[in-house]
Amino acid sequence: MIKMSSISAQGVVERASAELSKRINGLGLRKHHGKASVMERVTNVLCGGSSGHASATLNAPEKPSRMAAMKLSVAKGAPAPTGTPQATRKSPPAPPILTVEQLLMDERFLSRFFPYFSPLERCVLAQVCQRWRDVLYRGPRFWSGLLPVLQSRELRQASGQDRVKLYNSLIRRGFHAICLLGATDEDALDIVHSFPLASKHIHSLSLRCSSVSDRGLEALLDHL
């Protein structure tokens, strides 16, 4: 008795082909001339086949089940995506709030706390501390419906750095209109020089109780 472990795979195929040829020969199953016999067709299947059969096999349509298996194998062989899906990304949990002081400094709480006040009251709340001011200044919705009125007399007494801070705060709060009260030509020229971003953010400028000449108005119009 011969052990299967001592026979190679090619030997098993050859023995199977020989056994099939013994049973097929003599049965007269040969087709008309020009076509391969049953034995040749069986041999092609078991041993790899000839070039003609290989080309026919390539041109033959694949079975749906075989196509599904091929797609599955391709999908398994495809490289896995390196990036993490956006939906699965989670932000780190916020630290727990244990005291009232921590609650009053929590941005999520403040964003829900400030809408209970009027826009005029928020002007006072912005002076409580830097944290409250930053939260209020980052939300243009807190300042909707307000028109900043700049007192020209007070602006003259302020330093140039303080005036720049004031103008920047108007931009941070999302104001697109301002009013000058008691302005002169010098005040109009100061707006032009100290507020360069007004040309991009300020869409409307009104004058009240002001004495601005044509020269000052021309400078403001050219700047805006």
Foldseek 3Di string as FASTA:
>chain_A
DDDPVVDDPVRVLVVVLVVVCVVVPPPPQQDDPPDDGPSLVVNCVSPVHDPVVVVVVVPDDDDPVVVVVVVVVVVVPDDDDPDDDPVPDDDDDDDDDDDPVVLVLDLVNLVVVLVVDALVVLVVVLPPDVSSVVSQLQELVSNPPDEAEDELVVVVVDDLVVVLVVLVSCVSSQDQEYEYEAEELVSLVSCLVSNQCNLPRHDYYYYHNYDYDPVSVVSNVVSD
